[in-house]
Protein backbone atom coordinates (compact mmCIF):
# COMPACT_ATOMS: atom_id res chain seq x y z
CA MET A 1 0.00 0.00 0.00
CA PRO A 2 1.56 3.36 -1.00
CA SER A 3 2.22 5.55 2.01
CA GLY A 4 2.13 9.32 2.27
CA GLY A 5 5.91 9.37 1.88
CA ASP A 6 5.65 7.42 -1.35
CA TRP A 7 3.25 10.00 -2.76
CA LEU A 8 5.51 12.87 -1.69
CA ASP A 9 8.53 11.21 -3.33
CA LEU A 10 6.53 10.73 -6.52
CA ILE A 11 5.51 14.42 -6.54
CA ARG A 12 9.07 15.61 -5.87
CA THR A 13 10.50 13.37 -8.60
CA THR A 14 7.90 14.59 -11.08
CA PHE A 15 8.64 18.28 -10.57
CA ARG A 16 12.39 17.72 -10.51
CA THR A 17 12.50 15.84 -13.81
CA VAL A 18 9.94 17.91 -15.72
CA GLY A 19 11.28 21.27 -16.80
CA ARG A 20 10.03 24.16 -18.86
CA LYS A 21 11.51 22.61 -21.99
CA ASP A 22 9.60 19.38 -21.40
CA LEU A 23 6.33 21.21 -20.87
CA SER A 24 6.74 23.27 -24.03
CA GLY A 25 7.60 20.07 -25.88
CA LEU A 26 4.22 18.61 -24.95
CA TYR A 27 2.58 21.05 -27.36
CA ALA A 28 5.37 21.63 -29.87
CA HIS A 29 6.27 17.98 -30.41
CA GLU A 30 4.08 15.41 -28.66
CA TRP A 31 0.75 17.08 -29.31
CA ALA A 32 1.76 17.93 -32.88
CA ASN A 33 2.66 14.29 -33.48
CA ALA A 34 -0.57 13.05 -31.89
CA ARG A 35 -2.67 15.52 -33.88
CA ASN A 36 -1.01 14.51 -37.15
CA ARG A 37 -1.67 10.84 -36.46
CA LEU A 38 -5.30 11.39 -35.45
CA THR A 39 -6.06 13.59 -38.47
CA ALA A 40 -3.99 11.64 -41.02
CA ASP A 41 -7.11 10.52 -42.96
CA HIS A 42 -8.20 14.14 -43.46
CA SER A 43 -4.85 15.94 -43.71
CA ASP A 44 -5.31 17.01 -47.34
CA GLU A 45 -8.75 18.48 -46.67
CA LEU A 46 -7.48 20.38 -43.61
CA ALA A 47 -4.48 21.73 -45.53
CA ARG A 48 -6.76 23.16 -48.22
CA GLU A 49 -8.85 25.11 -45.70
CA LYS A 50 -7.62 28.73 -45.64
CA ASN A 51 -9.99 30.16 -43.05
CA ARG A 52 -8.31 29.79 -39.65
CA PHE A 53 -11.54 29.45 -37.68
CA LYS A 54 -13.00 26.86 -40.03
CA ARG A 55 -9.69 24.98 -40.05
CA PHE A 56 -9.72 24.95 -36.22
CA VAL A 57 -13.26 23.59 -36.14
CA ARG A 58 -12.51 20.93 -38.76
CA THR A 59 -9.27 19.96 -37.04
CA THR A 60 -11.11 19.57 -33.72
CA ASN A 61 -13.72 17.45 -35.45
CA ALA A 62 -11.05 15.30 -37.12
CA VAL A 63 -9.11 14.85 -33.85
CA LEU A 64 -12.24 13.79 -31.97
CA TYR A 65 -13.21 11.38 -34.76
CA GLY A 66 -9.70 9.94 -34.96
CA LEU A 67 -9.63 9.45 -31.19
CA LEU A 68 -12.99 7.68 -31.06
CA LYS A 69 -12.08 5.57 -34.10
CA ARG A 70 -9.04 4.19 -32.27
CA LEU A 71 -10.95 3.36 -29.08
CA ALA A 72 -12.64 0.02 -28.57
CA PRO A 73 -16.46 0.22 -29.01
CA THR A 74 -17.15 -0.14 -25.27
CA ARG A 75 -14.71 2.66 -24.50
CA ARG A 76 -16.38 4.87 -27.09
CA VAL A 77 -19.55 4.53 -25.04
CA LEU A 78 -17.63 5.50 -21.90
CA PHE A 79 -16.09 8.48 -23.67
CA ALA A 80 -19.53 9.61 -24.83
CA ALA A 81 -20.73 9.31 -21.23
CA VAL A 82 -17.81 11.50 -20.11
CA LEU A 83 -18.74 14.21 -22.63
CA LEU A 84 -22.38 14.04 -21.57
CA CYS A 85 -21.55 14.29 -17.87
CA PHE A 86 -19.18 17.15 -18.59
CA LEU A 87 -21.89 19.09 -20.43
CA PHE A 88 -24.35 18.46 -17.59
CA GLY A 89 -21.78 19.64 -15.07
CA LEU A 90 -21.27 22.92 -16.90
CA GLN A 91 -24.95 23.83 -16.74
CA GLY A 92 -26.28 26.15 -14.05
CA PRO A 93 -29.89 26.76 -13.09
CA LEU A 94 -32.08 27.27 -16.11
CA SER A 95 -35.48 28.78 -15.71
CA SER A 96 -38.19 30.22 -17.87
CA THR A 97 -41.30 32.19 -17.00
CA SER A 98 -44.06 33.03 -19.41
CA SER A 99 -47.14 35.06 -18.61
CA LYS A 100 -50.07 36.50 -20.43
CA THR A 101 -51.62 39.68 -19.18
CA SER A 102 -54.82 41.44 -20.07
CA HIS A 103 -55.46 44.92 -18.69
CA GLY A 104 -52.79 44.37 -16.00
CA ILE A 105 -54.26 41.10 -14.82
CA ILE A 106 -52.15 37.90 -15.09
CA HIS A 107 -54.20 35.14 -16.63
CA LYS A 108 -51.57 32.38 -16.95
CA THR A 109 -48.08 31.78 -15.63
CA THR A 110 -45.76 28.87 -16.55
CA GLN A 111 -42.42 28.38 -14.85
CA TRP A 112 -39.87 25.52 -15.09
CA THR A 113 -36.40 25.09 -13.67
CA PHE A 114 -33.56 22.64 -14.35
CA TYR A 115 -30.42 22.47 -12.27
CA PHE A 116 -27.34 20.30 -12.92
CA ASP A 117 -24.91 20.23 -10.00
CA ASN A 118 -21.17 19.53 -10.05
CA GLY A 119 -21.71 15.87 -9.25
CA TRP A 120 -21.70 15.28 -13.01
CA LEU A 121 -18.13 16.58 -13.20
CA PHE A 122 -17.12 14.11 -10.50
CA ILE A 123 -18.73 11.25 -12.44
CA ALA A 124 -16.92 12.38 -15.61
CA LEU A 125 -13.61 12.42 -13.73
CA VAL A 126 -14.16 8.92 -12.34
CA ILE A 127 -14.95 7.52 -15.80
CA LEU A 128 -11.89 9.26 -17.29
CA VAL A 129 -9.64 7.74 -14.63
CA LEU A 130 -11.09 4.29 -15.32
CA MET A 131 -10.53 4.74 -19.06
CA LEU A 132 -6.97 5.94 -18.43
CA ALA A 133 -6.29 2.89 -16.27
CA MET A 134 -7.56 0.53 -18.97
CA GLU A 135 -5.52 2.26 -21.68
CA LEU A 136 -2.41 2.11 -19.49
CA VAL A 137 -2.88 -1.63 -18.95
CA ASP A 138 -3.13 -2.12 -22.72
CA LYS A 139 -0.02 0.00 -23.21
CA ILE A 140 1.92 -1.97 -20.60
CA ASN A 141 1.00 -5.28 -22.23
CA TYR A 142 1.95 -3.93 -25.65
CA ARG A 143 5.17 -2.46 -24.27
CA ASP A 144 6.20 -5.82 -22.83
CA GLU A 145 5.80 -7.39 -26.27
CA LEU A 146 7.75 -4.55 -27.88
CA GLU A 147 10.56 -4.93 -25.36
CA LEU A 148 10.87 -8.58 -26.27
CA ALA A 149 11.02 -7.61 -29.94
CA ARG A 150 13.57 -4.90 -29.14
CA ASP A 151 15.77 -7.41 -27.34
CA LEU A 152 15.54 -9.69 -30.37
CA GLN A 153 16.54 -6.86 -32.68
CA ALA A 154 19.41 -5.84 -30.44
CA SER A 155 20.74 -9.39 -30.55
CA LEU A 156 20.78 -9.28 -34.37
CA ILE A 157 22.87 -6.11 -34.64
CA PRO A 158 26.51 -6.86 -33.73
CA ARG A 159 27.77 -5.01 -30.67
CA SER A 160 31.37 -5.27 -31.85
CA LEU A 161 32.61 -5.52 -35.40
CA PRO A 162 35.17 -8.06 -36.59
CA GLN A 163 38.83 -7.07 -36.76
CA LEU A 164 40.25 -8.08 -40.13
CA PRO A 165 43.69 -7.40 -41.63
CA GLY A 166 43.50 -4.69 -44.23
CA TRP A 167 40.01 -3.51 -43.24
CA GLU A 168 38.67 -0.83 -40.93
CA LEU A 169 35.00 -1.13 -39.95
CA ALA A 170 32.65 1.16 -38.04
CA ALA A 171 28.86 1.37 -37.72
CA TYR A 172 26.15 3.23 -35.82
CA ASN A 173 22.43 2.62 -35.33
CA ARG A 174 19.72 4.64 -33.59
CA ILE A 175 16.11 3.47 -33.71
CA ALA A 176 13.15 5.83 -34.01
CA ASN A 177 10.69 3.61 -32.13
CA THR A 178 10.96 0.88 -29.55
CA VAL A 179 11.63 -1.59 -32.36
CA GLY A 180 13.68 -0.54 -35.36
CA GLY A 181 13.80 -1.76 -38.95
CA ASP A 182 17.45 -1.01 -39.79
CA ILE A 183 20.09 -3.72 -39.63
CA TYR A 184 23.71 -4.25 -40.50
CA ASP A 185 25.91 -7.30 -40.18
CA PHE A 186 29.57 -7.98 -41.01
CA VAL A 187 30.41 -11.67 -41.40
CA PRO A 188 33.95 -12.95 -42.12
CA LEU A 189 33.84 -16.04 -44.34
CA PRO A 190 36.20 -19.01 -43.98
CA ASP A 191 38.03 -18.17 -47.24
CA GLY A 192 38.95 -14.65 -46.01
CA ARG A 193 36.15 -12.74 -47.71
CA LEU A 194 33.86 -10.37 -45.80
CA ALA A 195 30.08 -10.39 -46.34
CA VAL A 196 28.21 -7.20 -45.40
CA LEU A 197 24.46 -6.69 -45.22
CA PHE A 198 23.12 -3.17 -44.61
CA GLY A 199 19.37 -2.79 -44.85
CA ASP A 200 16.19 -0.97 -43.95
CA ALA A 201 12.82 -2.72 -43.59
CA SER A 202 9.69 -0.90 -44.66
CA GLY A 203 7.57 0.76 -42.01
CA HIS A 204 8.28 1.13 -38.31
CA GLY A 205 7.86 -0.75 -35.08
CA MET A 206 6.94 -4.41 -34.80
CA ALA A 207 6.22 -4.97 -38.51
CA ALA A 208 9.60 -3.60 -39.56
CA GLY A 209 11.33 -5.61 -36.85
CA LEU A 210 9.79 -8.85 -38.12
CA ILE A 211 10.88 -8.13 -41.71
CA MET A 212 14.36 -7.36 -40.44
CA ALA A 213 14.54 -10.61 -38.45
CA VAL A 214 13.39 -12.73 -41.41
CA SER A 215 15.89 -11.01 -43.73
CA HIS A 216 18.75 -11.47 -41.30
CA ALA A 217 18.00 -15.18 -40.81
CA ALA A 218 17.85 -15.72 -44.57
CA PHE A 219 21.10 -13.79 -45.02
CA ARG A 220 22.99 -15.90 -42.49
CA THR A 221 21.61 -19.13 -43.97
CA GLN A 222 22.45 -18.19 -47.56
CA LEU A 223 26.05 -17.40 -46.62
CA ASP A 224 26.60 -21.12 -46.02
CA ILE A 225 25.14 -22.00 -49.42
CA ASP A 226 26.26 -19.34 -51.91
CA PRO A 227 27.42 -15.85 -50.81
CA ARG A 228 27.47 -14.33 -54.30
CA PRO A 229 25.30 -11.16 -54.54
CA GLU A 230 22.98 -12.56 -57.22
CA ALA A 231 22.33 -15.71 -55.21
CA MET A 232 21.92 -13.77 -51.97
CA PHE A 233 19.32 -11.38 -53.38
CA ALA A 234 17.42 -14.16 -55.15
CA THR A 235 17.05 -16.08 -51.89
CA LEU A 236 16.11 -13.07 -49.74
CA ASN A 237 13.60 -11.85 -52.31
CA ARG A 238 11.96 -15.27 -52.64
CA ILE A 239 11.62 -15.70 -48.87
CA LEU A 240 10.23 -12.20 -48.32
CA CYS A 241 7.71 -12.63 -51.13
CA ARG A 242 6.49 -15.88 -49.58
CA THR A 243 6.44 -14.90 -45.92
CA GLY A 244 5.81 -11.15 -45.94
CA GLY A 245 2.65 -9.17 -46.56
CA PRO A 246 1.94 -6.82 -49.47
CA ARG A 247 4.02 -4.09 -47.78
CA ALA A 248 6.86 -6.25 -46.49
CA PHE A 249 9.73 -4.63 -48.38
CA PHE A 250 13.41 -4.67 -47.53
CA GLY A 251 15.76 -2.12 -49.06
CA CYS A 252 19.35 -3.16 -48.62
CA VAL A 253 22.95 -3.22 -49.75
CA TYR A 254 24.98 -6.40 -49.99
CA LEU A 255 28.76 -6.36 -50.32
CA LEU A 256 31.18 -9.23 -50.76
CA LEU A 257 34.73 -8.00 -50.19
CA HIS A 258 37.93 -9.90 -50.97
CA PRO A 259 41.20 -9.65 -49.03
CA ASP A 260 42.88 -7.87 -51.96
CA GLY A 261 40.36 -5.00 -51.85
CA THR A 262 38.15 -6.09 -54.74
CA PHE A 263 34.46 -6.38 -54.10
CA SER A 264 31.11 -7.16 -55.70
CA SER A 265 27.91 -5.45 -54.65
CA ALA A 266 24.18 -5.27 -55.24
CA VAL A 267 21.75 -2.56 -54.11
CA ALA A 268 17.97 -3.01 -53.83
CA GLY A 269 15.80 0.03 -53.10
CA HIS A 270 18.39 1.68 -50.88
CA PRO A 271 20.44 4.91 -50.99
CA SER A 272 23.58 4.49 -53.07
CA VAL A 273 26.84 3.51 -51.43
CA LEU A 274 29.46 6.27 -51.68
CA HIS A 275 32.93 5.26 -52.82
CA LEU A 276 35.21 7.79 -51.12
CA SER A 277 38.73 8.57 -52.26
CA ASP A 278 41.61 9.01 -49.83
CA ARG A 279 40.83 12.76 -49.93
CA GLY A 280 37.26 12.22 -48.76
CA THR A 281 35.66 13.11 -52.10
CA VAL A 282 33.06 10.92 -53.80
CA SER A 283 34.78 9.00 -56.60
CA GLY A 284 31.81 6.78 -57.38
CA ARG A 285 28.40 5.53 -56.35
CA LEU A 286 27.20 1.97 -56.10
CA GLY A 287 23.59 1.21 -56.87
CA LYS A 288 20.97 2.98 -58.91
CA GLY A 289 17.21 3.16 -58.70
CA ALA A 290 15.99 -0.40 -58.17
CA TYR A 291 13.16 -2.25 -56.48
CA PRO A 292 13.57 -3.32 -52.85
CA LEU A 293 13.43 -6.99 -51.98
CA GLY A 294 9.99 -8.50 -51.41
CA ILE A 295 8.12 -6.72 -54.23
CA ARG A 296 7.60 -9.75 -56.46
CA ASP A 297 9.36 -12.90 -57.54
CA PRO A 298 11.31 -13.31 -59.74
CA LEU A 299 13.35 -10.13 -60.04
CA THR A 300 17.04 -9.55 -60.68
CA TRP A 301 19.41 -6.82 -59.54
CA ASP A 302 22.57 -5.56 -61.16
CA VAL A 303 25.85 -6.69 -59.62
CA GLU A 304 28.64 -4.11 -59.61
CA THR A 305 32.31 -4.77 -59.02
CA GLY A 306 35.10 -2.50 -57.89
CA ARG A 307 38.23 -2.18 -55.84
CA LEU A 308 39.16 -0.28 -52.70
CA GLU A 309 42.69 1.03 -52.60
CA ALA A 310 44.50 1.92 -49.38
CA GLY A 311 42.90 5.00 -47.82
CA GLU A 312 39.64 4.62 -49.73
CA ARG A 313 36.33 3.92 -48.01
CA LEU A 314 32.76 2.84 -48.67
CA LEU A 315 30.10 4.91 -46.88
CA LEU A 316 26.67 3.36 -46.31
CA TYR A 317 23.72 5.16 -44.72
CA SER A 318 19.99 4.62 -44.41
CA ASP A 319 17.36 7.04 -45.70
CA GLY A 320 16.76 8.02 -42.08
CA VAL A 321 19.99 10.03 -42.40
CA SER A 322 19.29 11.91 -45.61
CA GLU A 323 15.59 12.41 -44.79
CA ALA A 324 16.11 13.59 -41.19
CA ARG A 325 14.30 16.92 -40.68
CA ASP A 326 14.87 19.98 -38.55
CA GLY A 327 12.24 22.18 -36.92
CA ASP A 328 11.50 23.90 -40.26
CA ALA A 329 10.96 20.58 -42.07
CA ASN A 330 14.24 20.91 -43.98
CA GLU A 331 15.93 17.62 -44.85
CA TYR A 332 19.50 16.80 -43.87
CA GLY A 333 20.09 15.64 -47.43
CA ASP A 334 22.78 13.73 -49.29
CA GLU A 335 24.85 16.89 -49.76
CA ARG A 336 25.49 17.22 -46.03
CA VAL A 337 26.55 13.57 -45.88
CA GLU A 338 29.12 14.15 -48.63
CA ALA A 339 30.28 17.38 -46.96
CA ALA A 340 30.89 15.51 -43.71
CA ALA A 341 33.00 12.96 -45.61
CA ARG A 342 35.09 15.69 -47.22
CA ARG A 343 35.85 17.15 -43.80
CA GLN A 344 37.29 13.82 -42.63
CA PRO A 345 39.72 12.81 -45.42
CA GLY A 346 42.31 11.27 -43.12
CA GLY A 347 40.14 10.34 -40.17
CA SER A 348 39.32 6.82 -39.11
CA ALA A 349 36.13 5.00 -40.04
CA GLU A 350 34.91 5.45 -36.48
CA THR A 351 35.51 9.20 -36.69
CA LEU A 352 33.49 9.55 -39.89
CA VAL A 353 30.59 7.52 -38.48
CA SER A 354 30.60 9.57 -35.26
CA THR A 355 30.72 12.84 -37.21
CA ILE A 356 27.71 12.03 -39.39
CA SER A 357 25.61 10.59 -36.56
CA HIS A 358 26.39 13.60 -34.33
CA GLU A 359 25.59 16.11 -37.07
CA VAL A 360 22.26 14.42 -37.80
CA GLY A 361 21.35 14.64 -34.12
CA GLU A 362 22.35 18.31 -33.99
CA PHE A 363 20.40 19.01 -37.17
CA CYS A 364 17.16 17.51 -35.80
CA GLY A 365 17.54 19.26 -32.43
CA ASP A 366 14.73 18.40 -30.03
CA LEU A 367 12.56 16.76 -32.67
CA LEU A 368 11.85 13.08 -32.21
CA PRO A 369 13.39 10.97 -34.99
CA GLU A 370 10.95 10.01 -37.72
CA ASP A 371 13.01 7.08 -38.99
CA ASP A 372 15.87 4.86 -37.89
CA VAL A 373 19.35 6.27 -38.45
CA SER A 374 22.14 3.92 -39.50
CA VAL A 375 25.63 4.64 -40.81
CA ALA A 376 28.51 2.31 -41.68
CA VAL A 377 31.99 2.83 -43.08
CA ILE A 378 34.26 0.19 -44.62
CA GLY A 379 37.82 1.43 -45.02
CA ARG A 380 40.78 -0.16 -46.78
CA ILE A 381 44.08 0.12 -44.94
CA PRO A 382 47.49 -1.36 -45.77
CA ALA A 383 47.84 -4.84 -44.36
CA ARG A 384 50.31 -5.02 -41.50
CA PRO A 385 53.39 -7.08 -42.29
CA SER A 386 53.47 -10.39 -40.48
CA GLU A 387 55.96 -10.58 -37.69
C-alpha cells in the first residue's frame, strides 16, 4: 500500500525531472505528433482550408473522430458518457417564465427550472480515470511485447565488429521507435572474404522488426550455401515474397569484399553507397534506382564490381539520415553527408561515423526521430606485415 511518503517522493520526482523545456515540448512535439496521427485521414482536406476558424473547427472534429475511431467500441460509449456528464456539469440553473396579461391582470403563468450540480463533473472524472487505467494496462501489455522484440533486434545487430587485416570497420544505429527496422551485419567467411548486409525494412515498429529478423536469418543461412550477390538477393527476395505481406519490403545493400580490396555489390531500393577517395571526395556511387526486396518474384538486380585502394572507403547510410528533418521541415540531405565525408579525409572509419551521426542529431535538435538512423563505413588500410 503506498504511504504518504511514497506520494511525496513521486511528486518531488515529477517536478524535478519535468522542466520548462519538457512542458513546451508537450505542445510543440508530442501534441503535434498526436494531432497529425489522429487527423492523417483528413490531412489534405485540412491543408486546403484557408480560413483559420474553419480549419480549427474541422481539425477539432477530425481529432475527436480519430480518437474515437481508435478506441474500442465499449470505451467509445464510456467516452460519450464522459462528454455528456461534462456538459451536464457545466450547466447552471435554467429557468423560464411566461405570462399572459390582459389589462394588468395575469391570466396564466408557466415556470420551469432545471439544475445540474457539479456531481456530473465528479462522475466524468471517475470515468476518465477508469478509461486511463484501462488504456495504461493495454499500453503496458503492448510495451512488454515490444521490449521482447527490441531485445531480439538488439541481438541481431553486432555489438562489436570483426577485426580483419586490411580492413577498418565502423557502424552506428539509432532506432526511431521501440523496435527498429534497420540492420547491418559484417560476417567474415572461412576463405577470407567479408560479407556485409546493410538494410532498412519498410515501415516502423513491430512490422519492420519482423521483416528485419526474417531477412537477417535468410542472409545468415544463404552465406553457407552461396554468398554471391545474385544468389543472396534471389534467396532473400523469394523468402520475403512468400512470408511477408503486401508491404513487407526490404531495401538493402549487400557487399562481398575480398582480401585484396576487390568487391562485388548489389543494391535493392536503398540509398547508393558512396565510394570515397583518400581525400574524402566521392569518386563513385554503387547502386541505382531499383526495387527493394519482397516486391515480387522473380526479379534480378545488377551486380557491380570495384576495388578499394588503401585509404579509400565505402560509406553506407539509411534514408533516415538523408531524410532527417529539422524544426523547419528541412531535410539533412545527401549533400550534407558528402560534406561531412570531405571534412574527414584522413580520419578513421569510427571518426566519420561519429561525425555524421552527431551532425544528424544536432540538425534535428529536439525533434523526435521520424526514422531509424544507420551509418557504416568500410575502409581499406594497408595490411600489417606479419611478424
